[in-house]
Amino acid sequence: ADGGFGLLAADQTQHGIGAWTRLSAGTVVLPAGGSADVAFT
């Protein structure tokens, strides 16, 4: 409709780079003001 940039939802089928990528963690819990680094390939 307008050329906006979007990303597919988690329950949609990924065909390109979304299918080629693997994260080292699927969930993360962060404390207030905290951060975490998650590796991916």
PDB file of all heavy atoms in Angstrom:
ATOM      1  N   ALA A   1       0.805  -1.219   0.000  1.00  0.00           N
ATOM      2  CA  ALA A   1       0.000   0.000   0.000  1.00  0.00           C
ATOM      3  C   ALA A   1       0.837   1.268   0.000  1.00  0.00           C
ATOM      4  O   ALA A   1       0.484   2.241  -0.652  1.00  0.00           O
ATOM      5  CB  ALA A   1      -0.935  -0.001   1.208  1.00  0.00           C
ATOM      6  N   ASP A   2       1.968   1.292   0.727  1.00  0.00           N
ATOM      7  CA  ASP A   2       2.698   2.557   0.849  1.00  0.00           C
ATOM      8  C   ASP A   2       4.213   2.406   0.833  1.00  0.00           C
ATOM      9  O   ASP A   2       4.929   3.388   1.041  1.00  0.00           O
ATOM     10  CB  ASP A   2       2.278   3.291   2.128  1.00  0.00           C
ATOM     11  CG  ASP A   2       2.526   2.467   3.387  1.00  0.00           C
ATOM     12  OD1 ASP A   2       3.168   1.404   3.296  1.00  0.00           O
ATOM     13  OD2 ASP A   2       2.061   2.886   4.463  1.00  0.00           O
ATOM     14  N   GLY A   3       4.721   1.204   0.600  1.00  0.00           N
ATOM     15  CA  GLY A   3       6.165   1.008   0.518  1.00  0.00           C
ATOM     16  C   GLY A   3       6.869   0.954   1.848  1.00  0.00           C
ATOM     17  O   GLY A   3       8.109   0.934   1.897  1.00  0.00           O
ATOM     18  N   GLY A   4       6.125   0.924   2.966  1.00  0.00           N
ATOM     19  CA  GLY A   4       6.755   0.887   4.278  1.00  0.00           C
ATOM     20  C   GLY A   4       7.578  -0.375   4.499  1.00  0.00           C
ATOM     21  O   GLY A   4       7.271  -1.442   3.965  1.00  0.00           O
ATOM     22  N   PHE A   5       8.622  -0.251   5.307  1.00  0.00           N
ATOM     23  CA  PHE A   5       9.500  -1.381   5.622  1.00  0.00           C
ATOM     24  C   PHE A   5       8.889  -2.171   6.760  1.00  0.00           C
ATOM     25  O   PHE A   5       8.489  -1.615   7.780  1.00  0.00           O
ATOM     26  CB  PHE A   5      10.876  -0.850   6.019  1.00  0.00           C
ATOM     27  CG  PHE A   5      11.911  -1.917   6.267  1.00  0.00           C
ATOM     28  CD1 PHE A   5      12.788  -2.289   5.265  1.00  0.00           C
ATOM     29  CD2 PHE A   5      12.014  -2.537   7.506  1.00  0.00           C
ATOM     30  CE1 PHE A   5      13.759  -3.260   5.490  1.00  0.00           C
ATOM     31  CE2 PHE A   5      12.970  -3.509   7.738  1.00  0.00           C
ATOM     32  CZ  PHE A   5      13.842  -3.871   6.718  1.00  0.00           C
ATOM     33  N   GLY A   6       8.804  -3.491   6.609  1.00  0.00           N
ATOM     34  CA  GLY A   6       8.239  -4.343   7.648  1.00  0.00           C
ATOM     35  C   GLY A   6       9.025  -5.630   7.781  1.00  0.00           C
ATOM     36  O   GLY A   6       9.826  -5.995   6.915  1.00  0.00           O
ATOM     37  N   LEU A   7       8.798  -6.326   8.895  1.00  0.00           N
ATOM     38  CA  LEU A   7       9.409  -7.629   9.162  1.00  0.00           C
ATOM     39  C   LEU A   7       8.300  -8.631   9.439  1.00  0.00           C
ATOM     40  O   LEU A   7       7.330  -8.311  10.128  1.00  0.00           O
ATOM     41  CB  LEU A   7      10.362  -7.556  10.356  1.00  0.00           C
ATOM     42  CG  LEU A   7      11.590  -6.645  10.191  1.00  0.00           C
ATOM     43  CD1 LEU A   7      12.311  -6.483  11.516  1.00  0.00           C
ATOM     44  CD2 LEU A   7      12.535  -7.207   9.144  1.00  0.00           C
ATOM     45  N   LEU A   8       8.451  -9.843   8.922  1.00  0.00           N
ATOM     46  CA  LEU A   8       7.435 -10.868   9.129  1.00  0.00           C
ATOM     47  C   LEU A   8       7.317 -11.227  10.612  1.00  0.00           C
ATOM     48  O   LEU A   8       8.278 -11.118  11.380  1.00  0.00           O
ATOM     49  CB  LEU A   8       7.775 -12.123   8.336  1.00  0.00           C
ATOM     50  CG  LEU A   8       7.779 -11.996   6.805  1.00  0.00           C
ATOM     51  CD1 LEU A   8       8.097 -13.340   6.170  1.00  0.00           C
ATOM     52  CD2 LEU A   8       6.449 -11.462   6.291  1.00  0.00           C
ATOM     53  N   ALA A   9       6.125 -11.646  11.000  1.00  0.00           N
ATOM     54  CA  ALA A   9       5.891 -12.079  12.375  1.00  0.00           C
ATOM     55  C   ALA A   9       6.542 -13.440  12.626  1.00  0.00           C
ATOM     56  O   ALA A   9       6.889 -14.171  11.691  1.00  0.00           O
ATOM     57  CB  ALA A   9       4.385 -12.154  12.646  1.00  0.00           C
ATOM     58  N   ALA A  10       6.679 -13.772  13.894  1.00  0.00           N
ATOM     59  CA  ALA A  10       7.376 -15.000  14.274  1.00  0.00           C
ATOM     60  C   ALA A  10       6.676 -16.253  13.762  1.00  0.00           C
ATOM     61  O   ALA A  10       7.326 -17.267  13.465  1.00  0.00           O
ATOM     62  CB  ALA A  10       7.516 -15.070  15.797  1.00  0.00           C
ATOM     63  N   ASP A  11       5.338 -16.211  13.641  1.00  0.00           N
ATOM     64  CA  ASP A  11       4.606 -17.403  13.210  1.00  0.00           C
ATOM     65  C   ASP A  11       4.416 -17.473  11.703  1.00  0.00           C
ATOM     66  O   ASP A  11       3.718 -18.353  11.204  1.00  0.00           O
ATOM     67  CB  ASP A  11       3.248 -17.471  13.906  1.00  0.00           C
ATOM     68  CG  ASP A  11       2.395 -16.241  13.641  1.00  0.00           C
ATOM     69  OD1 ASP A  11       2.887 -15.299  12.993  1.00  0.00           O
ATOM     70  OD2 ASP A  11       1.235 -16.226  14.108  1.00  0.00           O
ATOM     71  N   GLN A  12       5.047 -16.570  10.964  1.00  0.00           N
ATOM     72  CA  GLN A  12       4.987 -16.626   9.511  1.00  0.00           C
ATOM     73  C   GLN A  12       6.212 -17.348   8.970  1.00  0.00           C
ATOM     74  O   GLN A  12       7.268 -17.380   9.600  1.00  0.00           O
ATOM     75  CB  GLN A  12       4.884 -15.218   8.917  1.00  0.00           C
ATOM     76  CG  GLN A  12       3.573 -14.525   9.241  1.00  0.00           C
ATOM     77  CD  GLN A  12       3.496 -13.133   8.635  1.00  0.00           C
ATOM     78  OE1 GLN A  12       4.214 -12.233   9.041  1.00  0.00           O
ATOM     79  NE2 GLN A  12       2.621 -12.967   7.656  1.00  0.00           N
ATOM     80  N   THR A  13       6.058 -17.939   7.785  1.00  0.00           N
ATOM     81  CA  THR A  13       7.157 -18.706   7.191  1.00  0.00           C
ATOM     82  C   THR A  13       8.236 -17.773   6.661  1.00  0.00           C
ATOM     83  O   THR A  13       7.956 -16.859   5.892  1.00  0.00           O
ATOM     84  CB  THR A  13       6.629 -19.590   6.047  1.00  0.00           C
ATOM     85  OG1 THR A  13       5.607 -20.446   6.556  1.00  0.00           O
ATOM     86  CG2 THR A  13       7.758 -20.430   5.459  1.00  0.00           C
ATOM     87  N   GLN A  14       9.461 -18.024   7.098  1.00  0.00           N
ATOM     88  CA  GLN A  14      10.615 -17.248   6.635  1.00  0.00           C
ATOM     89  C   GLN A  14      11.279 -18.008   5.478  1.00  0.00           C
ATOM     90  O   GLN A  14      11.533 -19.204   5.585  1.00  0.00           O
ATOM     91  CB  GLN A  14      11.623 -17.045   7.771  1.00  0.00           C
ATOM     92  CG  GLN A  14      11.017 -16.624   9.103  1.00  0.00           C
ATOM     93  CD  GLN A  14      10.443 -15.226   9.099  1.00  0.00           C
ATOM     94  OE1 GLN A  14      10.808 -14.384   8.282  1.00  0.00           O
ATOM     95  NE2 GLN A  14       9.531 -14.949  10.025  1.00  0.00           N
ATOM     96  N   HIS A  15      11.558 -17.294   4.398  1.00  0.00           N
ATOM     97  CA  HIS A  15      12.137 -17.941   3.223  1.00  0.00           C
ATOM     98  C   HIS A  15      13.568 -17.514   2.943  1.00  0.00           C
ATOM     99  O   HIS A  15      14.320 -18.259   2.321  1.00  0.00           O
ATOM    100  CB  HIS A  15      11.285 -17.640   1.984  1.00  0.00           C
ATOM    101  CG  HIS A  15       9.899 -18.186   2.060  1.00  0.00           C
ATOM    102  ND1 HIS A  15       9.611 -19.521   1.845  1.00  0.00           N
ATOM    103  CD2 HIS A  15       8.712 -17.587   2.353  1.00  0.00           C
ATOM    104  CE1 HIS A  15       8.312 -19.715   1.974  1.00  0.00           C
ATOM    105  NE2 HIS A  15       7.741 -18.568   2.283  1.00  0.00           N
ATOM    106  N   GLY A  16      13.970 -16.328   3.371  1.00  0.00           N
ATOM    107  CA  GLY A  16      15.284 -15.800   3.061  1.00  0.00           C
ATOM    108  C   GLY A  16      16.189 -15.762   4.275  1.00  0.00           C
ATOM    109  O   GLY A  16      16.407 -16.772   4.949  1.00  0.00           O
ATOM    110  N   ILE A  17      16.687 -14.558   4.586  1.00  0.00           N
ATOM    111  CA  ILE A  17      17.642 -14.437   5.679  1.00  0.00           C
ATOM    112  C   ILE A  17      17.013 -14.819   7.019  1.00  0.00           C
ATOM    113  O   ILE A  17      17.714 -15.253   7.940  1.00  0.00           O
ATOM    114  CB  ILE A  17      18.206 -12.996   5.716  1.00  0.00           C
ATOM    115  CG1 ILE A  17      19.482 -12.950   6.549  1.00  0.00           C
ATOM    116  CG2 ILE A  17      17.166 -12.005   6.204  1.00  0.00           C
ATOM    117  CD1 ILE A  17      20.237 -11.642   6.404  1.00  0.00           C
ATOM    118  N   GLY A  18      15.691 -14.700   7.137  1.00  0.00           N
ATOM    119  CA  GLY A  18      15.027 -15.139   8.361  1.00  0.00           C
ATOM    120  C   GLY A  18      15.147 -16.633   8.581  1.00  0.00           C
ATOM    121  O   GLY A  18      15.153 -17.108   9.720  1.00  0.00           O
ATOM    122  N   ALA A  19      15.246 -17.399   7.485  1.00  0.00           N
ATOM    123  CA  ALA A  19      15.412 -18.858   7.586  1.00  0.00           C
ATOM    124  C   ALA A  19      16.876 -19.242   7.722  1.00  0.00           C
ATOM    125  O   ALA A  19      17.186 -20.323   8.232  1.00  0.00           O
ATOM    126  CB  ALA A  19      14.809 -19.534   6.352  1.00  0.00           C
ATOM    127  N   TRP A  20      17.771 -18.384   7.270  1.00  0.00           N
ATOM    128  CA  TRP A  20      19.200 -18.699   7.329  1.00  0.00           C
ATOM    129  C   TRP A  20      19.820 -18.377   8.686  1.00  0.00           C
ATOM    130  O   TRP A  20      20.936 -18.798   8.980  1.00  0.00           O
ATOM    131  CB  TRP A  20      19.974 -17.903   6.282  1.00  0.00           C
ATOM    132  CG  TRP A  20      19.486 -18.047   4.878  1.00  0.00           C
ATOM    133  CD1 TRP A  20      18.620 -18.986   4.389  1.00  0.00           C
ATOM    134  CD2 TRP A  20      19.820 -17.214   3.765  1.00  0.00           C
ATOM    135  NE1 TRP A  20      18.399 -18.800   3.058  1.00  0.00           N
ATOM    136  CE2 TRP A  20      19.122 -17.723   2.632  1.00  0.00           C
ATOM    137  CE3 TRP A  20      20.650 -16.107   3.603  1.00  0.00           C
ATOM    138  CZ2 TRP A  20      19.238 -17.135   1.376  1.00  0.00           C
ATOM    139  CZ3 TRP A  20      20.765 -15.526   2.350  1.00  0.00           C
ATOM    140  CH2 TRP A  20      20.061 -16.036   1.248  1.00  0.00           C
ATOM    141  N   THR A  21      19.109 -17.618   9.533  1.00  0.00           N
ATOM    142  CA  THR A  21      19.681 -17.084  10.773  1.00  0.00           C
ATOM    143  C   THR A  21      19.256 -17.920  11.974  1.00  0.00           C
ATOM    144  O   THR A  21      18.092 -18.295  12.098  1.00  0.00           O
ATOM    145  CB  THR A  21      19.247 -15.622  10.975  1.00  0.00           C
ATOM    146  OG1 THR A  21      19.632 -14.854   9.826  1.00  0.00           O
ATOM    147  CG2 THR A  21      19.882 -15.024  12.210  1.00  0.00           C
ATOM    148  N   ARG A  22      20.220 -18.187  12.864  1.00  0.00           N
ATOM    149  CA  ARG A  22      19.960 -18.904  14.106  1.00  0.00           C
ATOM    150  C   ARG A  22      20.493 -18.084  15.274  1.00  0.00           C
ATOM    151  O   ARG A  22      21.647 -17.644  15.265  1.00  0.00           O
ATOM    152  CB  ARG A  22      20.622 -20.288  14.097  1.00  0.00           C
ATOM    153  CG  ARG A  22      20.041 -21.247  13.068  1.00  0.00           C
ATOM    154  CD  ARG A  22      18.636 -21.698  13.447  1.00  0.00           C
ATOM    155  NE  ARG A  22      18.074 -22.630  12.476  1.00  0.00           N
ATOM    156  CZ  ARG A  22      17.376 -22.273  11.402  1.00  0.00           C
ATOM    157  NH1 ARG A  22      17.155 -20.980  11.176  1.00  0.00           N
ATOM    158  NH2 ARG A  22      16.899 -23.172  10.568  1.00  0.00           N
ATOM    159  N   LEU A  23      19.627 -17.883  16.296  1.00  0.00           N
ATOM    160  CA  LEU A  23      20.019 -17.145  17.493  1.00  0.00           C
ATOM    161  C   LEU A  23      20.478 -18.107  18.574  1.00  0.00           C
ATOM    162  O   LEU A  23      19.967 -19.232  18.679  1.00  0.00           O
ATOM    163  CB  LEU A  23      18.841 -16.319  18.000  1.00  0.00           C
ATOM    164  CG  LEU A  23      18.306 -15.230  17.054  1.00  0.00           C
ATOM    165  CD1 LEU A  23      16.985 -14.696  17.569  1.00  0.00           C
ATOM    166  CD2 LEU A  23      19.305 -14.104  16.911  1.00  0.00           C
ATOM    167  N   SER A  24      21.414 -17.659  19.418  1.00  0.00           N
ATOM    168  CA  SER A  24      21.907 -18.511  20.504  1.00  0.00           C
ATOM    169  C   SER A  24      20.876 -18.621  21.634  1.00  0.00           C
ATOM    170  O   SER A  24      21.003 -19.497  22.493  1.00  0.00           O
ATOM    171  CB  SER A  24      23.216 -17.966  21.060  1.00  0.00           C
ATOM    172  OG  SER A  24      23.040 -16.658  21.594  1.00  0.00           O
ATOM    173  N   ALA A  25      19.882 -17.749  21.660  1.00  0.00           N
ATOM    174  CA  ALA A  25      18.823 -17.809  22.675  1.00  0.00           C
ATOM    175  C   ALA A  25      17.517 -17.379  22.038  1.00  0.00           C
ATOM    176  O   ALA A  25      17.473 -16.420  21.258  1.00  0.00           O
ATOM    177  CB  ALA A  25      19.157 -16.917  23.864  1.00  0.00           C
ATOM    178  N   GLY A  26      16.433 -18.109  22.385  1.00  0.00           N
ATOM    179  CA  GLY A  26      15.124 -17.772  21.853  1.00  0.00           C
ATOM    180  C   GLY A  26      14.324 -16.869  22.765  1.00  0.00           C
ATOM    181  O   GLY A  26      13.365 -16.230  22.335  1.00  0.00           O
ATOM    182  N   THR A  27      14.718 -16.804  24.040  1.00  0.00           N
ATOM    183  CA  THR A  27      14.065 -15.923  25.006  1.00  0.00           C
ATOM    184  C   THR A  27      15.136 -15.285  25.882  1.00  0.00           C
ATOM    185  O   THR A  27      16.226 -15.846  26.063  1.00  0.00           O
ATOM    186  CB  THR A  27      13.070 -16.686  25.898  1.00  0.00           C
ATOM    187  OG1 THR A  27      13.774 -17.729  26.596  1.00  0.00           O
ATOM    188  CG2 THR A  27      11.946 -17.290  25.078  1.00  0.00           C
ATOM    189  N   VAL A  28      14.800 -14.131  26.439  1.00  0.00           N
ATOM    190  CA  VAL A  28      15.715 -13.458  27.356  1.00  0.00           C
ATOM    191  C   VAL A  28      14.883 -12.643  28.336  1.00  0.00           C
ATOM    192  O   VAL A  28      13.854 -12.064  27.967  1.00  0.00           O
ATOM    193  CB  VAL A  28      16.711 -12.550  26.598  1.00  0.00           C
ATOM    194  CG1 VAL A  28      15.990 -11.418  25.863  1.00  0.00           C
ATOM    195  CG2 VAL A  28      17.753 -11.975  27.538  1.00  0.00           C
ATOM    196  N   VAL A  29      15.275 -12.661  29.621  1.00  0.00           N
ATOM    197  CA  VAL A  29      14.620 -11.874  30.665  1.00  0.00           C
ATOM    198  C   VAL A  29      15.612 -10.832  31.148  1.00  0.00           C
ATOM    199  O   VAL A  29      16.719 -11.169  31.581  1.00  0.00           O
ATOM    200  CB  VAL A  29      14.152 -12.753  31.833  1.00  0.00           C
ATOM    201  CG1 VAL A  29      13.506 -11.897  32.920  1.00  0.00           C
ATOM    202  CG2 VAL A  29      13.185 -13.819  31.350  1.00  0.00           C
ATOM    203  N   LEU A  30      15.221  -9.560  31.065  1.00  0.00           N
ATOM    204  CA  LEU A  30      16.121  -8.468  31.420  1.00  0.00           C
ATOM    205  C   LEU A  30      15.619  -7.739  32.656  1.00  0.00           C
ATOM    206  O   LEU A  30      14.428  -7.409  32.737  1.00  0.00           O
ATOM    207  CB  LEU A  30      16.241  -7.464  30.264  1.00  0.00           C
ATOM    208  CG  LEU A  30      16.799  -8.001  28.949  1.00  0.00           C
ATOM    209  CD1 LEU A  30      16.821  -6.898  27.901  1.00  0.00           C
ATOM    210  CD2 LEU A  30      18.193  -8.575  29.149  1.00  0.00           C
ATOM    211  N   PRO A  31      16.498  -7.450  33.618  1.00  0.00           N
ATOM    212  CA  PRO A  31      16.088  -6.636  34.775  1.00  0.00           C
ATOM    213  C   PRO A  31      15.896  -5.188  34.351  1.00  0.00           C
ATOM    214  O   PRO A  31      16.229  -4.798  33.225  1.00  0.00           O
ATOM    215  CB  PRO A  31      17.283  -6.785  35.725  1.00  0.00           C
ATOM    216  CG  PRO A  31      18.448  -7.018  34.816  1.00  0.00           C
ATOM    217  CD  PRO A  31      17.916  -7.836  33.674  1.00  0.00           C
ATOM    218  N   ALA A  32      15.352  -4.394  35.228  1.00  0.00           N
ATOM    219  CA  ALA A  32      15.161  -2.977  34.932  1.00  0.00           C
ATOM    220  C   ALA A  32      16.485  -2.337  34.543  1.00  0.00           C
ATOM    221  O   ALA A  32      17.493  -2.483  35.244  1.00  0.00           O
ATOM    222  CB  ALA A  32      14.579  -2.273  36.160  1.00  0.00           C
ATOM    223  N   GLY A  33      16.504  -1.667  33.394  1.00  0.00           N
ATOM    224  CA  GLY A  33      17.710  -1.002  32.928  1.00  0.00           C
ATOM    225  C   GLY A  33      18.791  -1.936  32.433  1.00  0.00           C
ATOM    226  O   GLY A  33      19.893  -1.480  32.102  1.00  0.00           O
ATOM    227  N   GLY A  34      18.514  -3.247  32.357  1.00  0.00           N
ATOM    228  CA  GLY A  34      19.532  -4.211  31.959  1.00  0.00           C
ATOM    229  C   GLY A  34      19.575  -4.445  30.468  1.00  0.00           C
ATOM    230  O   GLY A  34      18.700  -4.032  29.706  1.00  0.00           O
ATOM    231  N   SER A  35      20.624  -5.139  30.021  1.00  0.00           N
ATOM    232  CA  SER A  35      20.774  -5.488  28.616  1.00  0.00           C
ATOM    233  C   SER A  35      21.449  -6.840  28.498  1.00  0.00           C
ATOM    234  O   SER A  35      22.063  -7.329  29.460  1.00  0.00           O
ATOM    235  CB  SER A  35      21.583  -4.424  27.867  1.00  0.00           C
ATOM    236  OG  SER A  35      22.903  -4.330  28.368  1.00  0.00           O
ATOM    237  N   ALA A  36      21.334  -7.441  27.330  1.00  0.00           N
ATOM    238  CA  ALA A  36      21.956  -8.743  27.071  1.00  0.00           C
ATOM    239  C   ALA A  36      22.388  -8.795  25.616  1.00  0.00           C
ATOM    240  O   ALA A  36      21.707  -8.281  24.721  1.00  0.00           O
ATOM    241  CB  ALA A  36      20.977  -9.875  27.367  1.00  0.00           C
ATOM    242  N   ASP A  37      23.543  -9.423  25.388  1.00  0.00           N
ATOM    243  CA  ASP A  37      24.049  -9.650  24.043  1.00  0.00           C
ATOM    244  C   ASP A  37      23.753 -11.089  23.643  1.00  0.00           C
ATOM    245  O   ASP A  37      24.073 -12.019  24.385  1.00  0.00           O
ATOM    246  CB  ASP A  37      25.553  -9.396  23.970  1.00  0.00           C
ATOM    247  CG  ASP A  37      25.899  -7.925  24.189  1.00  0.00           C
ATOM    248  OD1 ASP A  37      25.070  -7.060  23.859  1.00  0.00           O
ATOM    249  OD2 ASP A  37      27.008  -7.649  24.687  1.00  0.00           O
ATOM    250  N   VAL A  38      23.129 -11.252  22.484  1.00  0.00           N
ATOM    251  CA  VAL A  38      22.737 -12.574  22.000  1.00  0.00           C
ATOM    252  C   VAL A  38      23.428 -12.809  20.658  1.00  0.00           C
ATOM    253  O   VAL A  38      23.226 -12.057  19.693  1.00  0.00           O
ATOM    254  CB  VAL A  38      21.210 -12.677  21.836  1.00  0.00           C
ATOM    255  CG1 VAL A  38      20.827 -14.046  21.292  1.00  0.00           C
ATOM    256  CG2 VAL A  38      20.515 -12.401  23.171  1.00  0.00           C
ATOM    257  N   ALA A  39      24.259 -13.845  20.613  1.00  0.00           N
ATOM    258  CA  ALA A  39      24.975 -14.160  19.382  1.00  0.00           C
ATOM    259  C   ALA A  39      24.034 -14.799  18.364  1.00  0.00           C
ATOM    260  O   ALA A  39      23.035 -15.436  18.729  1.00  0.00           O
ATOM    261  CB  ALA A  39      26.139 -15.097  19.684  1.00  0.00           C
ATOM    262  N   PHE A  40      24.356 -14.635  17.089  1.00  0.00           N
ATOM    263  CA  PHE A  40      23.601 -15.315  16.038  1.00  0.00           C
ATOM    264  C   PHE A  40      24.519 -15.641  14.874  1.00  0.00           C
ATOM    265  O   PHE A  40      25.587 -15.036  14.704  1.00  0.00           O
ATOM    266  CB  PHE A  40      22.403 -14.468  15.567  1.00  0.00           C
ATOM    267  CG  PHE A  40      22.768 -13.188  14.872  1.00  0.00           C
ATOM    268  CD1 PHE A  40      23.023 -13.154  13.504  1.00  0.00           C
ATOM    269  CD2 PHE A  40      22.830 -11.996  15.584  1.00  0.00           C
ATOM    270  CE1 PHE A  40      23.342 -11.970  12.856  1.00  0.00           C
ATOM    271  CE2 PHE A  40      23.151 -10.812  14.949  1.00  0.00           C
ATOM    272  CZ  PHE A  40      23.404 -10.798  13.582  1.00  0.00           C
ATOM    273  N   THR A  41      24.110 -16.627  14.095  1.00  0.00           N
ATOM    274  CA  THR A  41      24.855 -17.016  12.897  1.00  0.00           C
ATOM    275  C   THR A  41      23.929 -16.959  11.695  1.00  0.00           C
ATOM    276  O   THR A  41      22.742 -17.256  11.791  1.00  0.00           O
ATOM    277  CB  THR A  41      25.430 -18.440  13.025  1.00  0.00           C
ATOM    278  OG1 THR A  41      24.337 -19.358  13.223  1.00  0.00           O
ATOM    279  CG2 THR A  41      26.390 -18.541  14.195  1.00  0.00           C
TER     280      THR A  41
END
